[in-house]
Amino acid sequence: MRKVKFIKTRRELMMKLITGVFIILFSQACNLFEKDEIVLAEHKRSNGERVKIYYVGLGATTRDVIQVRKANEEKLLWVTDKYNYIKSSKLIDDTSLQIVLSDTGYQNYNNKLDTIIINVK
């Protein structure tokens, strides 16, 4: 009788161990919140620092955004969810980034362009 109890305990231990390993491997392999990042433009300042403009798709439950970040620090300088199209961007005097944006969501609407100036110091 004692031998059967030991085997049952050993079997329970193995099942718990296999279940735990499976949960750990599954959680490492799956991303609950997938994030798509596309570099739309990149500008290099005179000190070698790079400023990048990203389109970031965050999934079905949140709105996609456009972000401006310093590449070396991944520090957010500006973010918006009002626009989905960049017509142009340029670095002005090594301290400001000019971006011309539009929203193309409405097909029958005459989309106006907005110009944004962002401090990138």
PDB file of N, CA and C in Angstrom:
ATOM      1  N   MET A   1       0.823  -1.194   0.000  1.00  0.00           N
ATOM      2  CA  MET A   1       0.000   0.000   0.000  1.00  0.00           C
ATOM      3  C   MET A   1       0.868   1.259   0.000  1.00  0.00           C
ATOM      4  N   ARG A   2       1.900   1.247   0.714  1.00  0.00           N
ATOM      5  CA  ARG A   2       2.773   2.407   0.787  1.00  0.00           C
ATOM      6  C   ARG A   2       3.444   2.691  -0.559  1.00  0.00           C
ATOM      7  N   LYS A   3       3.823   1.647  -1.305  1.00  0.00           N
ATOM      8  CA  LYS A   3       4.451   1.804  -2.594  1.00  0.00           C
ATOM      9  C   LYS A   3       3.522   2.511  -3.601  1.00  0.00           C
ATOM     10  N   VAL A   4       2.266   2.183  -3.604  1.00  0.00           N
ATOM     11  CA  VAL A   4       1.289   2.796  -4.504  1.00  0.00           C
ATOM     12  C   VAL A   4       1.155   4.286  -4.201  1.00  0.00           C
ATOM     13  N   LYS A   5       1.145   4.667  -2.933  1.00  0.00           N
ATOM     14  CA  LYS A   5       1.041   6.076  -2.546  1.00  0.00           C
ATOM     15  C   LYS A   5       2.259   6.850  -3.022  1.00  0.00           C
ATOM     16  N   PHE A   6       3.448   6.244  -2.956  1.00  0.00           N
ATOM     17  CA  PHE A   6       4.659   6.916  -3.408  1.00  0.00           C
ATOM     18  C   PHE A   6       4.608   7.165  -4.921  1.00  0.00           C
ATOM     19  N   ILE A   7       4.138   6.184  -5.676  1.00  0.00           N
ATOM     20  CA  ILE A   7       4.027   6.331  -7.127  1.00  0.00           C
ATOM     21  C   ILE A   7       3.002   7.411  -7.470  1.00  0.00           C
ATOM     22  N   LYS A   8       1.922   7.458  -6.745  1.00  0.00           N
ATOM     23  CA  LYS A   8       0.909   8.488  -6.998  1.00  0.00           C
ATOM     24  C   LYS A   8       1.491   9.879  -6.732  1.00  0.00           C
ATOM     25  N   THR A   9       2.229  10.021  -5.688  1.00  0.00           N
ATOM     26  CA  THR A   9       2.843  11.305  -5.361  1.00  0.00           C
ATOM     27  C   THR A   9       3.879  11.677  -6.416  1.00  0.00           C
ATOM     28  N   ARG A  10       4.655  10.712  -6.873  1.00  0.00           N
ATOM     29  CA  ARG A  10       5.653  10.965  -7.896  1.00  0.00           C
ATOM     30  C   ARG A  10       4.982  11.356  -9.220  1.00  0.00           C
ATOM     31  N   ARG A  11       3.900  10.691  -9.546  1.00  0.00           N
ATOM     32  CA  ARG A  11       3.142  11.002 -10.762  1.00  0.00           C
ATOM     33  C   ARG A  11       2.575  12.420 -10.677  1.00  0.00           C
ATOM     34  N   GLU A  12       2.029  12.800  -9.543  1.00  0.00           N
ATOM     35  CA  GLU A  12       1.500  14.161  -9.366  1.00  0.00           C
ATOM     36  C   GLU A  12       2.611  15.187  -9.507  1.00  0.00           C
ATOM     37  N   LEU A  13       3.782  14.886  -8.954  1.00  0.00           N
ATOM     38  CA  LEU A  13       4.916  15.803  -9.059  1.00  0.00           C
ATOM     39  C   LEU A  13       5.337  15.984 -10.514  1.00  0.00           C
ATOM     40  N   MET A  14       5.406  14.898 -11.269  1.00  0.00           N
ATOM     41  CA  MET A  14       5.779  14.966 -12.682  1.00  0.00           C
ATOM     42  C   MET A  14       4.740  15.755 -13.495  1.00  0.00           C
ATOM     43  N   MET A  15       3.458  15.536 -13.212  1.00  0.00           N
ATOM     44  CA  MET A  15       2.409  16.268 -13.932  1.00  0.00           C
ATOM     45  C   MET A  15       2.482  17.761 -13.641  1.00  0.00           C
ATOM     46  N   LYS A  16       2.738  18.119 -12.389  1.00  0.00           N
ATOM     47  CA  LYS A  16       2.872  19.537 -12.039  1.00  0.00           C
ATOM     48  C   LYS A  16       4.098  20.140 -12.707  1.00  0.00           C
ATOM     49  N   LEU A  17       5.182  19.388 -12.753  1.00  0.00           N
ATOM     50  CA  LEU A  17       6.402  19.874 -13.385  1.00  0.00           C
ATOM     51  C   LEU A  17       6.192  20.077 -14.889  1.00  0.00           C
ATOM     52  N   ILE A  18       5.575  19.106 -15.555  1.00  0.00           N
ATOM     53  CA  ILE A  18       5.313  19.222 -16.989  1.00  0.00           C
ATOM     54  C   ILE A  18       4.356  20.376 -17.272  1.00  0.00           C
ATOM     55  N   THR A  19       3.331  20.521 -16.457  1.00  0.00           N
ATOM     56  CA  THR A  19       2.384  21.627 -16.625  1.00  0.00           C
ATOM     57  C   THR A  19       3.081  22.971 -16.444  1.00  0.00           C
ATOM     58  N   GLY A  20       3.935  23.089 -15.448  1.00  0.00           N
ATOM     59  CA  GLY A  20       4.667  24.336 -15.201  1.00  0.00           C
ATOM     60  C   GLY A  20       5.594  24.685 -16.349  1.00  0.00           C
ATOM     61  N   VAL A  21       6.323  23.694 -16.873  1.00  0.00           N
ATOM     62  CA  VAL A  21       7.213  23.936 -18.009  1.00  0.00           C
ATOM     63  C   VAL A  21       6.400  24.356 -19.226  1.00  0.00           C
ATOM     64  N   PHE A  22       5.273  23.704 -19.464  1.00  0.00           N
ATOM     65  CA  PHE A  22       4.420  24.056 -20.592  1.00  0.00           C
ATOM     66  C   PHE A  22       3.914  25.496 -20.487  1.00  0.00           C
ATOM     67  N   ILE A  23       3.481  25.894 -19.315  1.00  0.00           N
ATOM     68  CA  ILE A  23       2.977  27.265 -19.111  1.00  0.00           C
ATOM     69  C   ILE A  23       4.077  28.282 -19.349  1.00  0.00           C
ATOM     70  N   ILE A  24       5.275  28.009 -18.862  1.00  0.00           N
ATOM     71  CA  ILE A  24       6.393  28.941 -19.051  1.00  0.00           C
ATOM     72  C   ILE A  24       6.752  29.056 -20.528  1.00  0.00           C
ATOM     73  N   LEU A  25       6.864  27.932 -21.227  1.00  0.00           N
ATOM     74  CA  LEU A  25       7.195  27.971 -22.649  1.00  0.00           C
ATOM     75  C   LEU A  25       6.109  28.654 -23.470  1.00  0.00           C
ATOM     76  N   PHE A  26       4.864  28.389 -23.162  1.00  0.00           N
ATOM     77  CA  PHE A  26       3.755  29.004 -23.881  1.00  0.00           C
ATOM     78  C   PHE A  26       3.731  30.515 -23.674  1.00  0.00           C
ATOM     79  N   SER A  27       3.951  30.969 -22.443  1.00  0.00           N
ATOM     80  CA  SER A  27       3.910  32.411 -22.174  1.00  0.00           C
ATOM     81  C   SER A  27       5.080  33.135 -22.827  1.00  0.00           C
ATOM     82  N   GLN A  28       6.220  32.465 -22.986  1.00  0.00           N
ATOM     83  CA  GLN A  28       7.361  33.088 -23.649  1.00  0.00           C
ATOM     84  C   GLN A  28       7.174  33.160 -25.162  1.00  0.00           C
ATOM     85  N   ALA A  29       6.451  32.208 -25.721  1.00  0.00           N
ATOM     86  CA  ALA A  29       6.281  32.146 -27.165  1.00  0.00           C
ATOM     87  C   ALA A  29       5.161  33.042 -27.682  1.00  0.00           C
ATOM     88  N   CYS A  30       4.223  33.409 -26.847  1.00  0.00           N
ATOM     89  CA  CYS A  30       3.058  34.176 -27.281  1.00  0.00           C
ATOM     90  C   CYS A  30       3.176  35.634 -26.873  1.00  0.00           C
ATOM     91  N   ASN A  31       2.752  36.507 -27.764  1.00  0.00           N
ATOM     92  CA  ASN A  31       2.625  37.926 -27.457  1.00  0.00           C
ATOM     93  C   ASN A  31       1.154  38.247 -27.377  1.00  0.00           C
ATOM     94  N   LEU A  32       0.708  38.685 -26.221  1.00  0.00           N
ATOM     95  CA  LEU A  32      -0.699  39.042 -26.091  1.00  0.00           C
ATOM     96  C   LEU A  32      -1.012  40.329 -26.839  1.00  0.00           C
ATOM     97  N   PHE A  33      -0.067  41.252 -26.816  1.00  0.00           N
ATOM     98  CA  PHE A  33      -0.278  42.541 -27.449  1.00  0.00           C
ATOM     99  C   PHE A  33       0.812  42.741 -28.499  1.00  0.00           C
ATOM    100  N   GLU A  34       0.530  42.316 -29.710  1.00  0.00           N
ATOM    101  CA  GLU A  34       1.504  42.477 -30.776  1.00  0.00           C
ATOM    102  C   GLU A  34       1.597  43.933 -31.175  1.00  0.00           C
ATOM    103  N   LYS A  35       2.809  44.344 -31.534  1.00  0.00           N
ATOM    104  CA  LYS A  35       3.044  45.728 -31.894  1.00  0.00           C
ATOM    105  C   LYS A  35       3.819  45.763 -33.197  1.00  0.00           C
ATOM    106  N   ASP A  36       3.255  46.419 -34.207  1.00  0.00           N
ATOM    107  CA  ASP A  36       3.929  46.617 -35.486  1.00  0.00           C
ATOM    108  C   ASP A  36       4.564  47.990 -35.494  1.00  0.00           C
ATOM    109  N   GLU A  37       5.860  48.044 -35.775  1.00  0.00           N
ATOM    110  CA  GLU A  37       6.544  49.321 -35.901  1.00  0.00           C
ATOM    111  C   GLU A  37       7.165  49.420 -37.282  1.00  0.00           C
ATOM    112  N   ILE A  38       6.847  50.511 -37.981  1.00  0.00           N
ATOM    113  CA  ILE A  38       7.406  50.759 -39.306  1.00  0.00           C
ATOM    114  C   ILE A  38       8.083  52.125 -39.267  1.00  0.00           C
ATOM    115  N   VAL A  39       9.358  52.170 -39.648  1.00  0.00           N
ATOM    116  CA  VAL A  39      10.077  53.444 -39.707  1.00  0.00           C
ATOM    117  C   VAL A  39       9.649  54.160 -40.980  1.00  0.00           C
ATOM    118  N   LEU A  40       9.049  55.330 -40.811  1.00  0.00           N
ATOM    119  CA  LEU A  40       8.581  56.124 -41.950  1.00  0.00           C
ATOM    120  C   LEU A  40       9.659  57.066 -42.465  1.00  0.00           C
ATOM    121  N   ALA A  41      10.455  57.606 -41.538  1.00  0.00           N
ATOM    122  CA  ALA A  41      11.525  58.540 -41.917  1.00  0.00           C
ATOM    123  C   ALA A  41      12.571  58.557 -40.813  1.00  0.00           C
ATOM    124  N   GLU A  42      13.780  58.923 -41.210  1.00  0.00           N
ATOM    125  CA  GLU A  42      14.879  59.036 -40.248  1.00  0.00           C
ATOM    126  C   GLU A  42      15.714  60.247 -40.609  1.00  0.00           C
ATOM    127  N   HIS A  43      16.062  61.034 -39.596  1.00  0.00           N
ATOM    128  CA  HIS A  43      16.867  62.230 -39.797  1.00  0.00           C
ATOM    129  C   HIS A  43      18.053  62.184 -38.846  1.00  0.00           C
ATOM    130  N   LYS A  44      19.219  62.620 -39.340  1.00  0.00           N
ATOM    131  CA  LYS A  44      20.437  62.610 -38.532  1.00  0.00           C
ATOM    132  C   LYS A  44      20.842  64.036 -38.205  1.00  0.00           C
ATOM    133  N   ARG A  45      20.987  64.306 -36.903  1.00  0.00           N
ATOM    134  CA  ARG A  45      21.425  65.632 -36.461  1.00  0.00           C
ATOM    135  C   ARG A  45      22.937  65.750 -36.608  1.00  0.00           C
ATOM    136  N   SER A  46      23.468  66.965 -36.473  1.00  0.00           N
ATOM    137  CA  SER A  46      24.905  67.193 -36.673  1.00  0.00           C
ATOM    138  C   SER A  46      25.763  66.489 -35.622  1.00  0.00           C
ATOM    139  N   ASN A  47      25.191  66.212 -34.442  1.00  0.00           N
ATOM    140  CA  ASN A  47      25.957  65.512 -33.398  1.00  0.00           C
ATOM    141  C   ASN A  47      25.880  63.988 -33.559  1.00  0.00           C
ATOM    142  N   GLY A  48      25.283  63.504 -34.646  1.00  0.00           N
ATOM    143  CA  GLY A  48      25.188  62.076 -34.909  1.00  0.00           C
ATOM    144  C   GLY A  48      23.936  61.421 -34.368  1.00  0.00           C
ATOM    145  N   GLU A  49      23.173  62.149 -33.575  1.00  0.00           N
ATOM    146  CA  GLU A  49      21.947  61.607 -32.996  1.00  0.00           C
ATOM    147  C   GLU A  49      20.889  61.457 -34.099  1.00  0.00           C
ATOM    148  N   ARG A  50      20.183  60.338 -34.064  1.00  0.00           N
ATOM    149  CA  ARG A  50      19.151  60.072 -35.065  1.00  0.00           C
ATOM    150  C   ARG A  50      17.765  60.293 -34.466  1.00  0.00           C
ATOM    151  N   VAL A  51      16.912  60.902 -35.260  1.00  0.00           N
ATOM    152  CA  VAL A  51      15.508  61.103 -34.898  1.00  0.00           C
ATOM    153  C   VAL A  51      14.686  60.309 -35.907  1.00  0.00           C
ATOM    154  N   LYS A  52      13.830  59.412 -35.406  1.00  0.00           N
ATOM    155  CA  LYS A  52      13.053  58.544 -36.292  1.00  0.00           C
ATOM    156  C   LYS A  52      11.565  58.806 -36.129  1.00  0.00           C
ATOM    157  N   ILE A  53      10.840  58.663 -37.239  1.00  0.00           N
ATOM    158  CA  ILE A  53       9.383  58.767 -37.240  1.00  0.00           C
ATOM    159  C   ILE A  53       8.848  57.360 -37.504  1.00  0.00           C
ATOM    160  N   TYR A  54       7.993  56.888 -36.606  1.00  0.00           N
ATOM    161  CA  TYR A  54       7.451  55.539 -36.684  1.00  0.00           C
ATOM    162  C   TYR A  54       5.939  55.566 -36.869  1.00  0.00           C
ATOM    163  N   TYR A  55       5.449  54.582 -37.606  1.00  0.00           N
ATOM    164  CA  TYR A  55       4.032  54.246 -37.592  1.00  0.00           C
ATOM    165  C   TYR A  55       3.933  53.014 -36.706  1.00  0.00           C
ATOM    166  N   VAL A  56       3.128  53.094 -35.640  1.00  0.00           N
ATOM    167  CA  VAL A  56       3.018  52.002 -34.675  1.00  0.00           C
ATOM    168  C   VAL A  56       1.583  51.499 -34.656  1.00  0.00           C
ATOM    169  N   GLY A  57       1.414  50.246 -35.068  1.00  0.00           N
ATOM    170  CA  GLY A  57       0.117  49.582 -35.011  1.00  0.00           C
ATOM    171  C   GLY A  57       0.049  48.761 -33.742  1.00  0.00           C
ATOM    172  N   LEU A  58      -0.899  49.065 -32.889  1.00  0.00           N
ATOM    173  CA  LEU A  58      -0.957  48.430 -31.574  1.00  0.00           C
ATOM    174  C   LEU A  58      -2.020  47.355 -31.463  1.00  0.00           C
ATOM    175  N   GLY A  59      -2.693  47.023 -32.526  1.00  0.00           N
ATOM    176  CA  GLY A  59      -3.679  45.950 -32.461  1.00  0.00           C
ATOM    177  C   GLY A  59      -5.093  46.448 -32.663  1.00  0.00           C
ATOM    178  N   ALA A  60      -6.034  45.525 -32.498  1.00  0.00           N
ATOM    179  CA  ALA A  60      -7.430  45.819 -32.788  1.00  0.00           C
ATOM    180  C   ALA A  60      -8.112  46.657 -31.716  1.00  0.00           C
ATOM    181  N   THR A  61      -7.586  46.651 -30.509  1.00  0.00           N
ATOM    182  CA  THR A  61      -8.283  47.335 -29.420  1.00  0.00           C
ATOM    183  C   THR A  61      -7.825  48.772 -29.204  1.00  0.00           C
ATOM    184  N   THR A  62      -6.737  49.179 -29.816  1.00  0.00           N
ATOM    185  CA  THR A  62      -6.255  50.544 -29.659  1.00  0.00           C
ATOM    186  C   THR A  62      -6.004  51.157 -31.021  1.00  0.00           C
ATOM    187  N   ARG A  63      -5.963  52.468 -31.066  1.00  0.00           N
ATOM    188  CA  ARG A  63      -5.741  53.176 -32.324  1.00  0.00           C
ATOM    189  C   ARG A  63      -4.265  53.158 -32.682  1.00  0.00           C
ATOM    190  N   ASP A  64      -3.973  53.128 -33.976  1.00  0.00           N
ATOM    191  CA  ASP A  64      -2.603  53.203 -34.446  1.00  0.00           C
ATOM    192  C   ASP A  64      -2.105  54.628 -34.276  1.00  0.00           C
ATOM    193  N   VAL A  65      -0.796  54.788 -34.069  1.00  0.00           N
ATOM    194  CA  VAL A  65      -0.241  56.107 -33.794  1.00  0.00           C
ATOM    195  C   VAL A  65       0.990  56.358 -34.660  1.00  0.00           C
ATOM    196  N   ILE A  66       1.340  57.628 -34.767  1.00  0.00           N
ATOM    197  CA  ILE A  66       2.606  58.054 -35.354  1.00  0.00           C
ATOM    198  C   ILE A  66       3.432  58.624 -34.217  1.00  0.00           C
ATOM    199  N   GLN A  67       4.685  58.161 -34.102  1.00  0.00           N
ATOM    200  CA  GLN A  67       5.574  58.591 -33.030  1.00  0.00           C
ATOM    201  C   GLN A  67       6.852  59.180 -33.607  1.00  0.00           C
ATOM    202  N   VAL A  68       7.386  60.174 -32.897  1.00  0.00           N
ATOM    203  CA  VAL A  68       8.713  60.703 -33.192  1.00  0.00           C
ATOM    204  C   VAL A  68       9.565  60.383 -31.972  1.00  0.00           C
ATOM    205  N   ARG A  69      10.711  59.708 -32.231  1.00  0.00           N
ATOM    206  CA  ARG A  69      11.575  59.277 -31.132  1.00  0.00           C
ATOM    207  C   ARG A  69      13.028  59.532 -31.458  1.00  0.00           C
ATOM    208  N   LYS A  70      13.824  59.737 -30.405  1.00  0.00           N
ATOM    209  CA  LYS A  70      15.272  59.726 -30.548  1.00  0.00           C
ATOM    210  C   LYS A  70      15.697  58.264 -30.597  1.00  0.00           C
ATOM    211  N   ALA A  71      16.479  57.921 -31.596  1.00  0.00           N
ATOM    212  CA  ALA A  71      16.823  56.511 -31.819  1.00  0.00           C
ATOM    213  C   ALA A  71      17.728  55.956 -30.733  1.00  0.00           C
ATOM    214  N   ASN A  72      18.665  56.738 -30.243  1.00  0.00           N
ATOM    215  CA  ASN A  72      19.624  56.231 -29.256  1.00  0.00           C
ATOM    216  C   ASN A  72      18.965  55.959 -27.912  1.00  0.00           C
ATOM    217  N   GLU A  73      17.978  56.748 -27.547  1.00  0.00           N
ATOM    218  CA  GLU A  73      17.349  56.645 -26.232  1.00  0.00           C
ATOM    219  C   GLU A  73      15.965  56.005 -26.282  1.00  0.00           C
ATOM    220  N   GLU A  74      15.380  55.895 -27.478  1.00  0.00           N
ATOM    221  CA  GLU A  74      13.989  55.456 -27.628  1.00  0.00           C
ATOM    222  C   GLU A  74      13.052  56.351 -26.812  1.00  0.00           C
ATOM    223  N   LYS A  75      13.450  57.598 -26.644  1.00  0.00           N
ATOM    224  CA  LYS A  75      12.646  58.577 -25.901  1.00  0.00           C
ATOM    225  C   LYS A  75      11.593  59.171 -26.829  1.00  0.00           C
ATOM    226  N   LEU A  76      10.328  59.142 -26.386  1.00  0.00           N
ATOM    227  CA  LEU A  76       9.243  59.722 -27.178  1.00  0.00           C
ATOM    228  C   LEU A  76       9.333  61.242 -27.158  1.00  0.00           C
ATOM    229  N   LEU A  77       9.335  61.840 -28.334  1.00  0.00           N
ATOM    230  CA  LEU A  77       9.323  63.299 -28.441  1.00  0.00           C
ATOM    231  C   LEU A  77       7.933  63.816 -28.769  1.00  0.00           C
ATOM    232  N   TRP A  78       7.159  62.997 -29.515  1.00  0.00           N
ATOM    233  CA  TRP A  78       5.820  63.419 -29.935  1.00  0.00           C
ATOM    234  C   TRP A  78       5.042  62.197 -30.377  1.00  0.00           C
ATOM    235  N   VAL A  79       3.754  62.168 -30.122  1.00  0.00           N
ATOM    236  CA  VAL A  79       2.901  61.053 -30.546  1.00  0.00           C
ATOM    237  C   VAL A  79       1.514  61.592 -30.887  1.00  0.00           C
ATOM    238  N   THR A  80       0.886  60.995 -31.916  1.00  0.00           N
ATOM    239  CA  THR A  80      -0.459  61.391 -32.299  1.00  0.00           C
ATOM    240  C   THR A  80      -1.222  60.199 -32.857  1.00  0.00           C
ATOM    241  N   ASP A  81      -2.526  60.220 -32.665  1.00  0.00           N
ATOM    242  CA  ASP A  81      -3.381  59.216 -33.298  1.00  0.00           C
ATOM    243  C   ASP A  81      -4.375  59.882 -34.254  1.00  0.00           C
ATOM    244  N   LYS A  82      -4.179  61.184 -34.518  1.00  0.00           N
ATOM    245  CA  LYS A  82      -5.096  61.930 -35.389  1.00  0.00           C
ATOM    246  C   LYS A  82      -4.757  61.793 -36.869  1.00  0.00           C
ATOM    247  N   TYR A  83      -3.535  61.379 -37.178  1.00  0.00           N
ATOM    248  CA  TYR A  83      -3.078  61.314 -38.562  1.00  0.00           C
ATOM    249  C   TYR A  83      -2.629  59.888 -38.896  1.00  0.00           C
ATOM    250  N   ASN A  84      -2.678  59.567 -40.194  1.00  0.00           N
ATOM    251  CA  ASN A  84      -2.201  58.264 -40.616  1.00  0.00           C
ATOM    252  C   ASN A  84      -1.331  58.326 -41.872  1.00  0.00           C
ATOM    253  N   TYR A  85      -0.968  59.528 -42.298  1.00  0.00           N
ATOM    254  CA  TYR A  85      -0.183  59.693 -43.510  1.00  0.00           C
ATOM    255  C   TYR A  85       0.799  60.844 -43.344  1.00  0.00           C
ATOM    256  N   ILE A  86       2.064  60.607 -43.705  1.00  0.00           N
ATOM    257  CA  ILE A  86       3.085  61.667 -43.685  1.00  0.00           C
ATOM    258  C   ILE A  86       3.439  62.001 -45.126  1.00  0.00           C
ATOM    259  N   LYS A  87       3.212  63.255 -45.487  1.00  0.00           N
ATOM    260  CA  LYS A  87       3.567  63.706 -46.832  1.00  0.00           C
ATOM    261  C   LYS A  87       5.057  64.018 -46.918  1.00  0.00           C
ATOM    262  N   SER A  88       5.586  64.693 -45.879  1.00  0.00           N
ATOM    263  CA  SER A  88       7.015  65.022 -45.892  1.00  0.00           C
ATOM    264  C   SER A  88       7.489  65.312 -44.469  1.00  0.00           C
ATOM    265  N   SER A  89       8.804  65.268 -44.320  1.00  0.00           N
ATOM    266  CA  SER A  89       9.424  65.644 -43.039  1.00  0.00           C
ATOM    267  C   SER A  89      10.828  66.138 -43.325  1.00  0.00           C
ATOM    268  N   LYS A  90      11.268  67.118 -42.542  1.00  0.00           N
ATOM    269  CA  LYS A  90      12.630  67.626 -42.699  1.00  0.00           C
ATOM    270  C   LYS A  90      13.116  68.220 -41.387  1.00  0.00           C
ATOM    271  N   LEU A  91      14.415  68.162 -41.204  1.00  0.00           N
ATOM    272  CA  LEU A  91      15.061  68.718 -40.018  1.00  0.00           C
ATOM    273  C   LEU A  91      15.383  70.180 -40.288  1.00  0.00           C
ATOM    274  N   ILE A  92      14.995  71.054 -39.348  1.00  0.00           N
ATOM    275  CA  ILE A  92      15.211  72.494 -39.497  1.00  0.00           C
ATOM    276  C   ILE A  92      16.215  72.948 -38.449  1.00  0.00           C
ATOM    277  N   ASP A  93      17.314  73.518 -38.892  1.00  0.00           N
ATOM    278  CA  ASP A  93      18.345  74.090 -38.007  1.00  0.00           C
ATOM    279  C   ASP A  93      18.815  73.109 -36.929  1.00  0.00           C
ATOM    280  N   ASP A  94      18.753  71.831 -37.177  1.00  0.00           N
ATOM    281  CA  ASP A  94      19.263  70.801 -36.275  1.00  0.00           C
ATOM    282  C   ASP A  94      18.562  70.759 -34.914  1.00  0.00           C
ATOM    283  N   THR A  95      17.503  71.555 -34.730  1.00  0.00           N
ATOM    284  CA  THR A  95      16.807  71.581 -33.443  1.00  0.00           C
ATOM    285  C   THR A  95      15.318  71.266 -33.553  1.00  0.00           C
ATOM    286  N   SER A  96      14.759  71.386 -34.754  1.00  0.00           N
ATOM    287  CA  SER A  96      13.321  71.183 -34.940  1.00  0.00           C
ATOM    288  C   SER A  96      13.072  70.250 -36.118  1.00  0.00           C
ATOM    289  N   LEU A  97      11.998  69.497 -35.998  1.00  0.00           N
ATOM    290  CA  LEU A  97      11.583  68.595 -37.069  1.00  0.00           C
ATOM    291  C   LEU A  97      10.226  69.067 -37.575  1.00  0.00           C
ATOM    292  N   GLN A  98      10.135  69.324 -38.878  1.00  0.00           N
ATOM    293  CA  GLN A  98       8.883  69.736 -39.491  1.00  0.00           C
ATOM    294  C   GLN A  98       8.265  68.517 -40.168  1.00  0.00           C
ATOM    295  N   ILE A  99       7.016  68.229 -39.816  1.00  0.00           N
ATOM    296  CA  ILE A  99       6.299  67.099 -40.407  1.00  0.00           C
ATOM    297  C   ILE A  99       5.005  67.617 -41.023  1.00  0.00           C
ATOM    298  N   VAL A 100       4.736  67.214 -42.247  1.00  0.00           N
ATOM    299  CA  VAL A 100       3.478  67.547 -42.926  1.00  0.00           C
ATOM    300  C   VAL A 100       2.642  66.273 -42.933  1.00  0.00           C
ATOM    301  N   LEU A 101       1.477  66.328 -42.264  1.00  0.00           N
ATOM    302  CA  LEU A 101       0.639  65.147 -42.030  1.00  0.00           C
ATOM    303  C   LEU A 101      -0.763  65.328 -42.579  1.00  0.00           C
ATOM    304  N   SER A 102      -1.442  64.203 -42.753  1.00  0.00           N
ATOM    305  CA  SER A 102      -2.833  64.214 -43.183  1.00  0.00           C
ATOM    306  C   SER A 102      -3.522  62.968 -42.643  1.00  0.00           C
ATOM    307  N   ASP A 103      -4.847  63.020 -42.643  1.00  0.00           N
ATOM    308  CA  ASP A 103      -5.654  61.858 -42.288  1.00  0.00           C
ATOM    309  C   ASP A 103      -6.383  61.424 -43.540  1.00  0.00           C
ATOM    310  N   THR A 104      -6.136  60.212 -43.988  1.00  0.00           N
ATOM    311  CA  THR A 104      -6.744  59.714 -45.222  1.00  0.00           C
ATOM    312  C   THR A 104      -7.943  58.812 -44.946  1.00  0.00           C
ATOM    313  N   GLY A 105      -8.491  58.893 -43.747  1.00  0.00           N
ATOM    314  CA  GLY A 105      -9.587  58.010 -43.352  1.00  0.00           C
ATOM    315  C   GLY A 105     -10.891  58.272 -44.061  1.00  0.00           C
ATOM    316  N   TYR A 106     -11.135  59.482 -44.505  1.00  0.00           N
ATOM    317  CA  TYR A 106     -12.391  59.820 -45.171  1.00  0.00           C
ATOM    318  C   TYR A 106     -12.146  59.973 -46.660  1.00  0.00           C
ATOM    319  N   GLN A 107     -12.716  59.098 -47.460  1.00  0.00           N
ATOM    320  CA  GLN A 107     -12.460  59.098 -48.896  1.00  0.00           C
ATOM    321  C   GLN A 107     -13.148  60.255 -49.617  1.00  0.00           C
ATOM    322  N   ASN A 108     -14.321  60.659 -49.173  1.00  0.00           N
ATOM    323  CA  ASN A 108     -15.069  61.714 -49.855  1.00  0.00           C
ATOM    324  C   ASN A 108     -14.756  63.099 -49.305  1.00  0.00           C
ATOM    325  N   TYR A 109     -13.821  63.189 -48.437  1.00  0.00           N
ATOM    326  CA  TYR A 109     -13.489  64.435 -47.767  1.00  0.00           C
ATOM    327  C   TYR A 109     -12.190  64.978 -48.352  1.00  0.00           C
ATOM    328  N   ASN A 110     -12.142  66.264 -48.595  1.00  0.00           N
ATOM    329  CA  ASN A 110     -10.922  66.888 -49.087  1.00  0.00           C
ATOM    330  C   ASN A 110      -9.930  66.999 -47.933  1.00  0.00           C
ATOM    331  N   ASN A 111      -8.961  66.130 -47.910  1.00  0.00           N
ATOM    332  CA  ASN A 111      -8.017  66.060 -46.793  1.00  0.00           C
ATOM    333  C   ASN A 111      -7.044  67.233 -46.825  1.00  0.00           C
ATOM    334  N   LYS A 112      -7.071  68.007 -45.774  1.00  0.00           N
ATOM    335  CA  LYS A 112      -6.128  69.118 -45.686  1.00  0.00           C
ATOM    336  C   LYS A 112      -4.862  68.637 -44.993  1.00  0.00           C
ATOM    337  N   LEU A 113      -3.766  69.268 -45.332  1.00  0.00           N
ATOM    338  CA  LEU A 113      -2.477  68.937 -44.739  1.00  0.00           C
ATOM    339  C   LEU A 113      -2.226  69.820 -43.528  1.00  0.00           C
ATOM    340  N   ASP A 114      -1.690  69.226 -42.464  1.00  0.00           N
ATOM    341  CA  ASP A 114      -1.301  69.985 -41.280  1.00  0.00           C
ATOM    342  C   ASP A 114       0.210  69.912 -41.143  1.00  0.00           C
ATOM    343  N   THR A 115       0.813  71.028 -40.759  1.00  0.00           N
ATOM    344  CA  THR A 115       2.264  71.084 -40.540  1.00  0.00           C
ATOM    345  C   THR A 115       2.522  71.192 -39.053  1.00  0.00           C
ATOM    346  N   ILE A 116       3.360  70.297 -38.550  1.00  0.00           N
ATOM    347  CA  ILE A 116       3.705  70.239 -37.127  1.00  0.00           C
ATOM    348  C   ILE A 116       5.202  70.483 -36.994  1.00  0.00           C
ATOM    349  N   ILE A 117       5.589  71.312 -36.032  1.00  0.00           N
ATOM    350  CA  ILE A 117       7.008  71.544 -35.721  1.00  0.00           C
ATOM    351  C   ILE A 117       7.276  70.926 -34.350  1.00  0.00           C
ATOM    352  N   ILE A 118       8.288  70.054 -34.280  1.00  0.00           N
ATOM    353  CA  ILE A 118       8.604  69.333 -33.037  1.00  0.00           C
ATOM    354  C   ILE A 118      10.031  69.674 -32.627  1.00  0.00           C
ATOM    355  N   ASN A 119      10.199  70.034 -31.369  1.00  0.00           N
ATOM    356  CA  ASN A 119      11.530  70.315 -30.812  1.00  0.00           C
ATOM    357  C   ASN A 119      12.254  68.991 -30.602  1.00  0.00           C
ATOM    358  N   VAL A 120      13.428  68.826 -31.207  1.00  0.00           N
ATOM    359  CA  VAL A 120      14.183  67.577 -31.098  1.00  0.00           C
ATOM    360  C   VAL A 120      15.509  67.742 -30.374  1.00  0.00           C
ATOM    361  N   LYS A 121      15.667  68.799 -29.612  1.00  0.00           N
ATOM    362  CA  LYS A 121      16.912  69.025 -28.859  1.00  0.00           C
ATOM    363  C   LYS A 121      17.173  67.933 -27.876  1.00  0.00           C
TER     364      LYS A 121
END
